[in-house]
N, C-alpha and C. Protein backbone atom coordinates (compact mmCIF):
# COMPACT_ATOMS: atom_id res chain seq x y z
N UNK A 1 101.18 -47.15 55.05
CA UNK A 1 101.22 -47.34 56.51
C UNK A 1 102.66 -47.54 56.98
N UNK A 2 102.92 -47.12 58.19
CA UNK A 2 104.27 -47.25 58.75
C UNK A 2 104.42 -48.62 59.40
N UNK A 3 105.39 -49.40 58.93
CA UNK A 3 105.58 -50.76 59.47
C UNK A 3 105.90 -50.71 60.96
N UNK A 4 106.66 -49.70 61.38
CA UNK A 4 107.02 -49.60 62.80
C UNK A 4 105.78 -49.36 63.64
N UNK A 5 104.87 -48.53 63.14
CA UNK A 5 103.65 -48.23 63.89
C UNK A 5 102.78 -49.48 64.00
N UNK A 6 102.68 -50.23 62.90
CA UNK A 6 101.88 -51.46 62.92
C UNK A 6 102.48 -52.46 63.89
N UNK A 7 103.80 -52.57 63.85
CA UNK A 7 104.48 -53.53 64.73
C UNK A 7 104.27 -53.15 66.19
N UNK A 8 104.36 -51.85 66.48
CA UNK A 8 104.18 -51.38 67.85
C UNK A 8 102.75 -51.65 68.32
N UNK A 9 101.79 -51.41 67.41
CA UNK A 9 100.38 -51.65 67.75
C UNK A 9 100.13 -53.12 68.01
N UNK A 10 100.73 -53.98 67.18
CA UNK A 10 100.54 -55.43 67.35
C UNK A 10 101.15 -55.87 68.67
N UNK A 11 102.30 -55.30 69.02
CA UNK A 11 102.96 -55.67 70.28
C UNK A 11 102.08 -55.28 71.47
N UNK A 12 101.51 -54.08 71.41
CA UNK A 12 100.65 -53.61 72.50
C UNK A 12 99.43 -54.52 72.64
N UNK A 13 98.82 -54.88 71.50
CA UNK A 13 97.64 -55.75 71.54
C UNK A 13 98.01 -57.11 72.14
N UNK A 14 99.20 -57.61 71.79
CA UNK A 14 99.63 -58.91 72.30
C UNK A 14 99.81 -58.85 73.82
N UNK A 15 100.45 -57.78 74.30
CA UNK A 15 100.68 -57.62 75.74
C UNK A 15 99.34 -57.54 76.48
N UNK A 16 98.40 -56.77 75.91
CA UNK A 16 97.08 -56.63 76.55
C UNK A 16 96.38 -57.98 76.61
N UNK A 17 96.49 -58.74 75.51
CA UNK A 17 95.83 -60.06 75.46
C UNK A 17 96.43 -60.99 76.52
N UNK A 18 97.76 -60.99 76.64
CA UNK A 18 98.43 -61.86 77.62
C UNK A 18 98.05 -61.45 79.04
N UNK A 19 98.05 -60.15 79.31
CA UNK A 19 97.70 -59.66 80.66
C UNK A 19 96.26 -60.02 81.00
N UNK A 20 95.37 -59.89 80.01
CA UNK A 20 93.95 -60.22 80.24
C UNK A 20 93.80 -61.71 80.52
N UNK A 21 94.52 -62.53 79.75
CA UNK A 21 94.44 -63.98 79.93
C UNK A 21 94.93 -64.37 81.32
N UNK A 22 96.07 -63.81 81.73
CA UNK A 22 96.61 -64.14 83.05
C UNK A 22 95.67 -63.66 84.15
N UNK A 23 95.04 -62.50 83.95
CA UNK A 23 94.11 -61.97 84.95
C UNK A 23 92.90 -62.89 85.07
N UNK A 24 92.37 -63.35 83.94
CA UNK A 24 91.21 -64.24 83.96
C UNK A 24 91.59 -65.59 84.57
N UNK A 25 92.82 -66.03 84.28
CA UNK A 25 93.27 -67.33 84.82
C UNK A 25 93.41 -67.24 86.34
N UNK A 26 93.78 -66.04 86.85
CA UNK A 26 93.90 -65.87 88.30
C UNK A 26 92.54 -65.98 88.97
N UNK A 27 91.48 -65.57 88.23
CA UNK A 27 90.14 -65.67 88.80
C UNK A 27 89.75 -67.14 88.88
């Protein structure tokens, strides 16, 4: 597996999780 690809995927998942959390907190 490509470490860069894994790191990029983890970063995207983290951003999505943070955005979802902030969106739910706004509700």
